């Protein structure tokens, strides 16, 4: 780094929006969500709009200062915090929080990157429409971060990942130029799809400053059910039957093993559980633009057939929104309960639905043989093949020591099995710092070469989020 960029950054954003170590507590910007990564920043800069972002990037580029773009800092792979060099500038997008346009006739919404996901959902709601991306951190995560990591969530089964929900982007390049690609077009076949290049790139190729998003009609009917099952195979069979019976109305299909729900009961005993404990439980959601009676009849018929043929032990359909919200709250509290139990080894894997049961049986057995007493916290978005395959230390063991001593060996067993079953080591969380070395081992040399070529072509100085992804 040559001359300090700090005086120029203060001029661009104003002294109040340039946070310096010592003068302010920078921990909210320099420690990741899981408290696993902690860095030191040269400064935190908070620009107010895309032109200011562009000026900040140009100033940092002139000084040779690396930039770490950051939205809500809710990522799970250490992708949005600085390293410990004290030379990187954290660029927070939180002040870019305007709703620029609601086009109800085109069913689109244009918002700035610092809007939280909850604010985006609320803007769609005010227009009488739906923005369906749904995450547990929606009150804190930002839409720019969601797009930069191609976030998934609970409704991917019907609506797709963040990528499928975005029609256009505004991006500041590593050279400090602004690319305005905010057209609300469903079809635009005019060359390379730059939008898709930036989505999922984790801030390594450009800084997302705004997005035009797809909106959908609000469903008139929303039904939620809980089913208890003996095996994961039965859950996968229920998924196949639900797709056939409910078609596009099947919005969510979540699976949870018994131990994951036992952790919720242990740490949050006030949260009701709809049915007695079973080896596996499924939470499924049906949304429809038609009437409730017909939709309820289809859902109840599906569950009745599954109980008759033995796939399902028991099932219950929520009778009110309050009951439905309670079911979803139970599912969403699993990660919180796991955190209360202690540090753990997390995996965010994706597999073909047809291979999930075999993967879990094989990998559970291998890990139990290698580390007797290991407790499995398996849950996730079964409908799109995304499983959070997590391991808790044996009862009474030191959780931090278990993580430190066994993570590498556990990851090797899990990721070898993922590869053998045609899966991916990261379904929705991204690569960040956590999985960068693993990506090098698992991705083909051709794919890695192409990714590095793109990075060098767009960011030849290597200033945007260095040390991440590739």
Protein backbone atom coordinates (compact mmCIF):
# COMPACT_ATOMS: atom_id res chain seq x y z
CA UNK A 1 0.00 0.00 0.00
CA UNK A 2 1.33 3.43 -0.95
CA UNK A 3 0.01 6.65 0.61
CA UNK A 4 -2.83 6.21 3.08
CA UNK A 5 -6.30 6.43 1.51
CA UNK A 6 -7.86 7.65 4.77
CA UNK A 7 -7.85 11.43 4.08
CA UNK A 8 -9.50 10.87 0.69
CA UNK A 9 -12.02 8.44 2.15
CA UNK A 10 -12.97 10.99 4.83
CA UNK A 11 -13.49 13.60 2.12
CA UNK A 12 -15.72 11.25 0.09
CA UNK A 13 -18.06 9.96 2.81
CA UNK A 14 -17.57 12.49 5.60
CA UNK A 15 -15.63 11.93 8.81
CA UNK A 16 -18.71 10.56 10.57
CA UNK A 17 -18.84 7.64 8.16
CA UNK A 18 -15.18 6.70 8.27
CA UNK A 19 -14.72 4.52 11.34
CA UNK A 20 -11.17 4.10 12.62
CA UNK A 21 -9.65 1.57 15.04
CA UNK A 22 -9.39 2.95 18.54
CA UNK A 23 -11.87 5.73 17.92
CA UNK A 24 -14.76 3.29 17.43
CA UNK A 25 -15.51 -0.31 18.28
CA UNK A 26 -15.08 -2.06 14.93
CA UNK A 27 -15.97 -5.54 16.20
CA UNK A 28 -19.38 -5.57 14.44
CA UNK A 29 -17.46 -5.22 11.17
CA UNK A 30 -14.34 -7.27 11.90
CA UNK A 31 -15.73 -10.38 13.63
CA UNK A 32 -17.80 -12.84 11.62
CA UNK A 33 -21.31 -14.06 12.50
CA UNK A 34 -20.08 -17.37 13.95
CA UNK A 35 -17.27 -15.64 15.92
CA UNK A 36 -14.85 -17.91 14.11
CA UNK A 37 -12.90 -15.27 12.19
CA UNK A 38 -11.64 -12.01 13.64
CA UNK A 39 -9.57 -9.46 11.74
CA UNK A 40 -8.21 -5.91 11.93
CA UNK A 41 -9.34 -3.20 9.54
CA UNK A 42 -7.48 -0.12 8.41
CA UNK A 43 -10.90 1.54 8.51
CA UNK A 44 -14.59 0.94 7.92
CA UNK A 45 -16.07 3.20 5.26
CA UNK A 46 -19.84 3.69 4.85
CA UNK A 47 -20.70 5.32 1.51
CA UNK A 48 -24.21 6.67 0.94
CA UNK A 49 -24.78 5.78 -2.71
CA UNK A 50 -23.26 4.11 -5.76
CA UNK A 51 -21.24 7.17 -6.87
CA UNK A 52 -19.65 7.33 -3.43
CA UNK A 53 -18.89 3.60 -3.60
CA UNK A 54 -17.19 4.20 -6.94
CA UNK A 55 -15.12 7.07 -5.48
CA UNK A 56 -14.13 4.92 -2.50
CA UNK A 57 -13.01 2.11 -4.80
CA UNK A 58 -10.95 4.49 -6.93
CA UNK A 59 -9.30 5.98 -3.84
CA UNK A 60 -8.42 2.55 -2.46
CA UNK A 61 -7.16 1.37 -5.84
CA UNK A 62 -4.88 4.42 -6.10
CA UNK A 63 -3.45 3.65 -2.67
CA UNK A 64 -3.27 -0.12 -3.29
CA UNK A 65 -5.57 -0.80 -0.34
CA UNK A 66 -7.65 -3.96 -0.51
CA UNK A 67 -11.43 -3.70 0.01
CA UNK A 68 -13.67 -6.15 1.85
CA UNK A 69 -17.31 -5.50 0.79
CA UNK A 70 -19.77 -6.16 3.61
CA UNK A 71 -23.55 -6.18 3.92
CA UNK A 72 -25.12 -7.45 7.13
CA UNK A 73 -22.07 -9.55 8.06
CA UNK A 74 -24.29 -12.59 8.55
CA UNK A 75 -22.28 -14.98 6.35
CA UNK A 76 -21.20 -18.37 7.69
CA UNK A 77 -17.89 -18.92 5.85
CA UNK A 78 -15.84 -15.89 6.89
CA UNK A 79 -16.25 -14.12 3.58
CA UNK A 80 -17.00 -10.57 4.75
CA UNK A 81 -14.45 -9.72 7.44
CA UNK A 82 -10.90 -8.40 6.98
CA UNK A 83 -7.73 -10.36 7.59
CA UNK A 84 -5.45 -9.55 10.52
CA UNK A 85 -3.03 -7.34 8.58
CA UNK A 86 -4.73 -4.08 9.51
CA UNK A 87 -4.37 -2.89 5.89
CA UNK A 88 -7.79 -3.75 4.46
CA UNK A 89 -10.73 -1.35 4.20
CA UNK A 90 -14.17 -2.72 5.05
CA UNK A 91 -16.77 -1.16 2.74
CA UNK A 92 -20.17 -1.38 4.43
CA UNK A 93 -23.22 -1.03 2.17
CA UNK A 94 -25.68 -0.43 5.02
CA UNK A 95 -26.32 3.20 4.08
CA UNK A 96 -27.35 2.14 0.57
CA UNK A 97 -30.85 1.39 1.83
CA UNK A 98 -33.36 3.07 -0.47
CA UNK A 99 -36.21 1.45 -2.33
CA UNK A 100 -35.71 3.04 -5.73
CA UNK A 101 -38.74 1.78 -7.63
CA UNK A 102 -41.74 -0.48 -7.30
CA UNK A 103 -43.16 -1.49 -10.69
CA UNK A 104 -46.24 -3.50 -9.82
CA UNK A 105 -47.32 -3.79 -13.45
CA UNK A 106 -43.96 -5.40 -14.30
CA UNK A 107 -43.86 -7.27 -10.97
CA UNK A 108 -40.41 -5.89 -10.14
CA UNK A 109 -38.78 -4.04 -7.28
CA UNK A 110 -35.53 -2.07 -7.48
CA UNK A 111 -33.70 -1.67 -4.18
CA UNK A 112 -30.25 -0.70 -3.01
CA UNK A 113 -27.84 -3.32 -1.72
CA UNK A 114 -27.98 -2.29 1.93
CA UNK A 115 -31.70 -2.93 2.34
CA UNK A 116 -32.24 -5.83 4.70
CA UNK A 117 -34.09 -8.82 3.31
CA UNK A 118 -36.96 -8.03 5.69
CA UNK A 119 -37.18 -4.50 4.27
CA UNK A 120 -37.31 -5.90 0.74
CA UNK A 121 -40.08 -8.31 1.74
CA UNK A 122 -42.00 -5.42 3.35
CA UNK A 123 -41.68 -3.24 0.23
CA UNK A 124 -43.13 -6.07 -1.86
CA UNK A 125 -45.91 -6.56 0.69
CA UNK A 126 -46.88 -2.88 0.49
CA UNK A 127 -47.29 -3.32 -3.25
CA UNK A 128 -49.56 -6.31 -2.68
CA UNK A 129 -46.92 -8.72 -4.01
CA UNK A 130 -44.43 -11.27 -2.69
CA UNK A 131 -40.65 -11.40 -2.64
CA UNK A 132 -40.16 -15.05 -1.66
CA UNK A 133 -36.54 -15.26 -0.51
CA UNK A 134 -36.74 -16.28 3.16
CA UNK A 135 -33.85 -16.77 5.60
CA UNK A 136 -33.53 -17.00 9.35
CA UNK A 137 -31.33 -13.88 9.35
CA UNK A 138 -33.69 -11.80 7.18
CA UNK A 139 -33.86 -8.99 9.74
CA UNK A 140 -30.07 -8.51 9.53
CA UNK A 141 -28.81 -9.82 6.19
CA UNK A 142 -28.84 -7.45 3.22
CA UNK A 143 -30.04 -8.06 -0.32
CA UNK A 144 -26.59 -7.21 -1.68
CA UNK A 145 -25.08 -9.92 0.49
CA UNK A 146 -27.86 -12.34 -0.46
CA UNK A 147 -27.05 -11.83 -4.14
CA UNK A 148 -23.29 -11.85 -3.68
CA UNK A 149 -23.56 -15.26 -2.02
CA UNK A 150 -26.52 -16.53 -4.08
CA UNK A 151 -28.46 -17.21 -0.89
CA UNK A 152 -30.96 -20.06 -0.74
CA UNK A 153 -33.32 -20.42 2.20
CA UNK A 154 -36.60 -22.22 2.72
CA UNK A 155 -38.49 -21.58 -0.53
CA UNK A 156 -35.89 -22.53 -3.15
CA UNK A 157 -37.98 -25.57 -4.02
CA UNK A 158 -40.59 -23.34 -5.68
CA UNK A 159 -38.94 -20.00 -6.37
CA UNK A 160 -35.24 -20.75 -6.73
CA UNK A 161 -32.11 -19.23 -5.20
CA UNK A 162 -31.35 -15.51 -5.10
CA UNK A 163 -30.00 -15.83 -8.65
CA UNK A 164 -33.42 -16.85 -9.98
CA UNK A 165 -35.06 -13.92 -8.19
CA UNK A 166 -32.87 -11.19 -9.70
CA UNK A 167 -33.40 -9.58 -13.11
CA UNK A 168 -30.70 -6.93 -13.03
CA UNK A 169 -27.84 -5.42 -11.04
CA UNK A 170 -25.96 -2.20 -10.52
CA UNK A 171 -22.31 -2.98 -9.77
CA UNK A 172 -19.19 -0.94 -9.03
CA UNK A 173 -16.21 -2.54 -10.73
CA UNK A 174 -12.70 -2.88 -9.21
CA UNK A 175 -11.71 0.12 -11.36
CA UNK A 176 -14.39 2.30 -9.74
CA UNK A 177 -16.77 2.35 -12.72
CA UNK A 178 -20.52 1.87 -12.34
CA UNK A 179 -22.25 -0.76 -14.49
CA UNK A 180 -25.98 -0.11 -14.60
CA UNK A 181 -27.75 -3.31 -15.57
CA UNK A 182 -31.00 -2.70 -13.70
CA UNK A 183 -33.38 -3.52 -16.56
CA UNK A 184 -36.48 -5.30 -15.35
CA UNK A 185 -36.46 -7.67 -18.32
CA UNK A 186 -37.32 -11.37 -18.29
CA UNK A 187 -35.56 -11.77 -21.65
CA UNK A 188 -32.38 -9.99 -22.73
CA UNK A 189 -30.15 -12.06 -24.99
CA UNK A 190 -27.51 -9.42 -25.82
CA UNK A 191 -24.20 -11.04 -25.08
CA UNK A 192 -22.60 -12.38 -21.92
CA UNK A 193 -24.85 -12.43 -18.85
CA UNK A 194 -22.91 -10.09 -16.58
CA UNK A 195 -25.59 -10.31 -13.90
CA UNK A 196 -24.97 -14.00 -13.35
CA UNK A 197 -21.23 -13.39 -13.26
CA UNK A 198 -21.54 -11.16 -10.19
CA UNK A 199 -24.23 -13.15 -8.37
CA UNK A 200 -22.51 -15.68 -6.13
CA UNK A 201 -19.04 -14.17 -6.62
CA UNK A 202 -18.83 -13.14 -2.93
CA UNK A 203 -17.64 -9.60 -3.64
CA UNK A 204 -14.48 -10.74 -5.43
CA UNK A 205 -15.39 -9.39 -8.90
CA UNK A 206 -17.44 -6.26 -8.13
CA UNK A 207 -19.55 -4.58 -5.45
CA UNK A 208 -23.31 -4.90 -5.86
CA UNK A 209 -24.96 -1.55 -5.10
CA UNK A 210 -28.54 -2.16 -6.30
CA UNK A 211 -30.74 -4.85 -7.78
CA UNK A 212 -33.98 -5.27 -9.69
CA UNK A 213 -35.87 -8.21 -8.24
CA UNK A 214 -38.75 -10.41 -9.37
CA UNK A 215 -42.02 -10.20 -7.47
CA UNK A 216 -44.84 -12.74 -7.40
CA UNK A 217 -48.56 -12.78 -6.63
CA UNK A 218 -49.26 -13.26 -2.95
CA UNK A 219 -50.77 -16.69 -2.31
CA UNK A 220 -54.35 -16.65 -1.11
CA UNK A 221 -53.83 -19.90 0.75
CA UNK A 222 -50.86 -20.94 2.87
CA UNK A 223 -50.91 -24.31 4.61
CA UNK A 224 -48.23 -25.85 6.79
CA UNK A 225 -47.95 -29.46 7.97
CA UNK A 226 -45.65 -31.51 10.19
CA UNK A 227 -45.02 -35.22 9.64
CA UNK A 228 -43.15 -37.79 11.74
CA UNK A 229 -41.23 -40.54 9.94
CA UNK A 230 -39.02 -43.51 10.74
CA UNK A 231 -36.33 -43.02 8.10
CA UNK A 232 -34.81 -40.46 5.78
CA UNK A 233 -35.74 -42.79 2.90
CA UNK A 234 -39.39 -42.33 3.91
CA UNK A 235 -38.91 -38.54 3.92
CA UNK A 236 -37.47 -38.66 0.40
CA UNK A 237 -40.39 -40.83 -0.74
CA UNK A 238 -42.81 -38.33 0.80
CA UNK A 239 -41.05 -35.53 -1.10
CA UNK A 240 -41.55 -37.37 -4.39
CA UNK A 241 -45.22 -37.96 -3.58
CA UNK A 242 -45.70 -34.33 -2.52
CA UNK A 243 -44.25 -33.07 -5.78
CA UNK A 244 -46.66 -35.25 -7.73
CA UNK A 245 -49.70 -34.31 -5.64
CA UNK A 246 -49.08 -30.61 -4.99
CA UNK A 247 -47.06 -29.64 -8.08
CA UNK A 248 -45.84 -26.03 -7.97
CA UNK A 249 -47.86 -25.45 -4.82
CA UNK A 250 -45.18 -27.25 -2.80
CA UNK A 251 -43.25 -24.26 -1.49
CA UNK A 252 -41.12 -25.74 1.27
CA UNK A 253 -39.99 -29.19 2.39
CA UNK A 254 -37.68 -29.25 5.41
CA UNK A 255 -36.31 -32.37 7.12
CA UNK A 256 -34.92 -32.65 10.67
CA UNK A 257 -33.45 -35.60 12.53
CA UNK A 258 -34.50 -36.40 16.09
CA UNK A 259 -31.38 -35.03 17.78
CA UNK A 260 -31.73 -31.62 16.14
CA UNK A 261 -35.21 -31.26 17.67
CA UNK A 262 -34.02 -32.67 21.00
CA UNK A 263 -31.50 -29.81 21.14
CA UNK A 264 -34.32 -27.30 20.68
CA UNK A 265 -36.30 -28.98 23.47
CA UNK A 266 -33.22 -28.86 25.73
CA UNK A 267 -32.32 -25.21 25.18
CA UNK A 268 -35.72 -23.72 24.33
CA UNK A 269 -38.22 -25.84 26.26
CA UNK A 270 -40.92 -23.19 25.84
CA UNK A 271 -41.16 -23.94 22.10
CA UNK A 272 -43.91 -26.52 21.48
CA UNK A 273 -43.18 -29.57 19.31
CA UNK A 274 -46.19 -30.62 17.19
CA UNK A 275 -45.76 -34.41 17.46
CA UNK A 276 -43.93 -36.93 19.68
CA UNK A 277 -40.29 -37.49 18.82
CA UNK A 278 -39.51 -39.57 15.74
CA UNK A 279 -36.23 -40.45 13.98
CA UNK A 280 -37.06 -37.88 11.29
CA UNK A 281 -39.57 -35.05 10.98
CA UNK A 282 -40.67 -33.11 7.92
CA UNK A 283 -42.11 -29.61 7.71
CA UNK A 284 -43.89 -28.97 4.43
CA UNK A 285 -45.66 -25.93 3.10
CA UNK A 286 -48.29 -25.57 0.39
CA UNK A 287 -49.08 -22.15 -1.06
CA UNK A 288 -51.82 -21.60 -3.61
CA UNK A 289 -53.68 -18.82 -5.35
CA UNK A 290 -56.89 -20.86 -5.15
CA UNK A 291 -59.25 -21.51 -2.27
CA UNK A 292 -58.17 -22.98 1.05
CA UNK A 293 -60.69 -25.83 1.18
CA UNK A 294 -59.45 -27.45 -2.02
CA UNK A 295 -55.80 -26.97 -1.10
CA UNK A 296 -56.33 -28.38 2.39
CA UNK A 297 -58.11 -31.40 0.94
CA UNK A 298 -55.15 -32.14 -1.35
CA UNK A 299 -52.63 -31.78 1.47
CA UNK A 300 -54.61 -33.93 3.90
CA UNK A 301 -55.14 -36.59 1.22
CA UNK A 302 -51.39 -36.71 0.57
CA UNK A 303 -50.63 -37.20 4.25
CA UNK A 304 -53.40 -39.77 4.70
CA UNK A 305 -52.03 -41.88 1.82
CA UNK A 306 -48.53 -41.64 3.28
CA UNK A 307 -49.78 -42.86 6.67
CA UNK A 308 -51.78 -45.66 5.08
CA UNK A 309 -48.77 -47.02 3.20
CA UNK A 310 -46.47 -46.66 6.22
CA UNK A 311 -44.20 -43.86 5.00
CA UNK A 312 -45.44 -41.51 7.74
CA UNK A 313 -46.04 -42.34 11.43
CA UNK A 314 -48.24 -39.35 12.14
CA UNK A 315 -48.98 -35.93 10.68
CA UNK A 316 -50.73 -32.71 11.61
CA UNK A 317 -51.82 -29.74 9.50
CA UNK A 318 -51.66 -26.32 11.15
CA UNK A 319 -55.12 -24.93 11.80
CA UNK A 320 -54.04 -21.29 11.95
CA UNK A 321 -51.22 -18.95 10.97
CA UNK A 322 -50.16 -18.95 14.62
CA UNK A 323 -49.69 -22.72 14.55
CA UNK A 324 -47.89 -22.51 11.20
CA UNK A 325 -45.52 -19.85 12.50
CA UNK A 326 -44.83 -22.00 15.57
CA UNK A 327 -43.82 -24.92 13.34
CA UNK A 328 -41.47 -22.74 11.33
CA UNK A 329 -40.07 -21.18 14.49
CA UNK A 330 -39.21 -24.65 15.77
CA UNK A 331 -37.31 -25.42 12.58
CA UNK A 332 -35.50 -22.09 12.61
CA UNK A 333 -34.36 -22.53 16.21
CA UNK A 334 -32.24 -25.58 15.41
CA UNK A 335 -29.09 -23.55 14.57
CA UNK A 336 -29.63 -21.43 17.70
CA UNK A 337 -29.99 -24.52 19.87
CA UNK A 338 -26.89 -26.03 18.32
CA UNK A 339 -24.94 -22.87 19.15
CA UNK A 340 -26.15 -23.09 22.75
CA UNK A 341 -24.91 -26.68 22.92
CA UNK A 342 -21.41 -25.53 21.95
CA UNK A 343 -19.03 -25.23 19.02
CA UNK A 344 -19.70 -27.75 16.28
CA UNK A 345 -18.50 -28.88 12.89
CA UNK A 346 -20.83 -27.54 10.20
CA UNK A 347 -21.41 -28.65 6.63
CA UNK A 348 -23.65 -27.07 4.01
CA UNK A 349 -23.82 -29.76 1.37
CA UNK A 350 -25.97 -30.35 -1.69
CA UNK A 351 -26.86 -33.75 -3.15
CA UNK A 352 -29.37 -35.19 -5.58
CA UNK A 353 -32.47 -35.98 -3.53
CA UNK A 354 -32.20 -39.57 -4.73
CA UNK A 355 -28.79 -39.92 -3.01
CA UNK A 356 -29.44 -38.18 0.30
CA UNK A 357 -30.52 -41.21 2.33
CA UNK A 358 -27.59 -43.35 1.16
CA UNK A 359 -25.15 -40.53 1.86
CA UNK A 360 -26.42 -40.03 5.41
CA UNK A 361 -26.38 -43.75 6.23
CA UNK A 362 -22.87 -44.21 4.86
CA UNK A 363 -21.40 -41.07 6.40
CA UNK A 364 -23.05 -41.50 9.81
CA UNK A 365 -21.56 -44.99 10.02
CA UNK A 366 -18.09 -43.85 8.95
CA UNK A 367 -18.01 -41.00 11.44
CA UNK A 368 -19.39 -43.06 14.31
CA UNK A 369 -16.64 -45.62 13.68
CA UNK A 370 -13.97 -42.91 13.60
CA UNK A 371 -15.34 -40.84 16.50
CA UNK A 372 -17.62 -42.90 18.75
CA UNK A 373 -20.28 -40.86 20.53
CA UNK A 374 -20.39 -38.11 17.91
CA UNK A 375 -23.87 -36.57 17.77
CA UNK A 376 -25.40 -35.76 14.39
CA UNK A 377 -27.44 -32.60 13.88
CA UNK A 378 -28.89 -33.23 10.43
CA UNK A 379 -31.48 -30.85 9.06
CA UNK A 380 -32.10 -28.76 6.00
CA UNK A 381 -33.95 -28.00 2.80
CA UNK A 382 -34.65 -31.53 1.64
CA UNK A 383 -36.79 -30.29 -1.23
CA UNK A 384 -33.75 -28.88 -3.04
CA UNK A 385 -31.20 -31.43 -1.79
CA UNK A 386 -29.48 -29.05 0.66
CA UNK A 387 -28.56 -30.71 3.95
CA UNK A 388 -26.89 -29.05 6.93
CA UNK A 389 -24.91 -32.06 8.06
CA UNK A 390 -23.47 -30.95 11.39
CA UNK A 391 -21.59 -32.74 14.15
CA UNK A 392 -21.73 -32.03 17.86
CA UNK A 393 -19.09 -33.34 20.26
CA UNK A 394 -19.95 -36.43 22.33
CA UNK A 395 -22.04 -35.70 25.40
CA UNK A 396 -19.85 -34.15 28.09
CA UNK A 397 -16.84 -33.61 25.81
CA UNK A 398 -15.16 -30.25 25.36
CA UNK A 399 -16.80 -28.79 22.24
CA UNK A 400 -13.96 -26.41 21.36
CA UNK A 401 -11.37 -29.16 21.70
CA UNK A 402 -13.49 -31.49 19.58
CA UNK A 403 -13.68 -28.87 16.81
CA UNK A 404 -9.95 -28.11 16.93
CA UNK A 405 -8.82 -31.74 17.03
CA UNK A 406 -11.22 -33.40 14.61
CA UNK A 407 -12.53 -30.90 12.07
CA UNK A 408 -10.01 -31.74 9.34
CA UNK A 409 -10.57 -35.50 9.64
CA UNK A 410 -14.35 -35.08 9.79
CA UNK A 411 -14.35 -32.84 6.74
CA UNK A 412 -12.30 -35.38 4.78
CA UNK A 413 -14.82 -38.15 5.55
CA UNK A 414 -17.85 -35.96 4.80
CA UNK A 415 -16.53 -34.37 1.63
CA UNK A 416 -15.22 -37.64 0.24
CA UNK A 417 -18.71 -39.07 0.65
CA UNK A 418 -20.26 -35.95 -0.90
CA UNK A 419 -18.03 -36.33 -3.94
CA UNK A 420 -18.79 -40.04 -4.21
CA UNK A 421 -22.52 -39.27 -4.28
CA UNK A 422 -22.24 -36.50 -6.90
CA UNK A 423 -22.76 -33.60 -4.52
CA UNK A 424 -21.26 -30.21 -3.65
CA UNK A 425 -19.39 -29.01 -0.56
CA UNK A 426 -21.33 -25.74 -0.50
CA UNK A 427 -25.01 -25.56 -1.36
CA UNK A 428 -25.91 -22.06 -0.14
CA UNK A 429 -23.30 -20.64 2.25
CA UNK A 430 -20.52 -20.02 -0.25
CA UNK A 431 -16.75 -20.51 0.00
CA UNK A 432 -15.32 -17.46 1.78
CA UNK A 433 -12.24 -18.30 3.83
CA UNK A 434 -13.62 -21.46 5.39
CA UNK A 435 -13.76 -23.64 2.28
CA UNK A 436 -11.16 -22.05 0.04
CA UNK A 437 -8.57 -24.80 0.46
CA UNK A 438 -11.25 -27.47 0.20
CA UNK A 439 -12.45 -25.93 -3.07
CA UNK A 440 -8.94 -26.29 -4.49
CA UNK A 441 -9.02 -29.99 -3.68
CA UNK A 442 -12.55 -30.66 -4.92
CA UNK A 443 -13.01 -28.40 -7.96
CA UNK A 444 -11.57 -29.49 -11.28
CA UNK A 445 -8.35 -27.78 -12.43
CA UNK A 446 -10.18 -26.55 -15.52
CA UNK A 447 -12.92 -24.90 -13.45
CA UNK A 448 -10.39 -23.34 -11.07
CA UNK A 449 -8.36 -22.04 -14.00
CA UNK A 450 -11.41 -20.40 -15.54
CA UNK A 451 -12.37 -18.82 -12.22
CA UNK A 452 -8.88 -17.41 -11.71
CA UNK A 453 -8.83 -16.07 -15.25
CA UNK A 454 -12.08 -14.22 -14.61
CA UNK A 455 -10.75 -12.79 -11.34
CA UNK A 456 -7.53 -11.59 -13.00
CA UNK A 457 -9.37 -10.10 -15.98
CA UNK A 458 -11.84 -8.12 -13.88
CA UNK A 459 -9.66 -7.34 -10.84
CA UNK A 460 -6.03 -7.45 -11.99
CA UNK A 461 -4.81 -5.68 -8.82
CA UNK A 462 -6.55 -8.29 -6.67
CA UNK A 463 -8.06 -5.60 -4.45
CA UNK A 464 -11.61 -6.88 -3.99
CA UNK A 465 -12.02 -9.37 -1.14
CA UNK A 466 -8.59 -10.95 -1.57
CA UNK A 467 -8.00 -14.43 -0.22
CA UNK A 468 -11.58 -15.52 -0.75
CA UNK A 469 -13.11 -18.15 -3.06
CA UNK A 470 -10.13 -18.80 -5.36
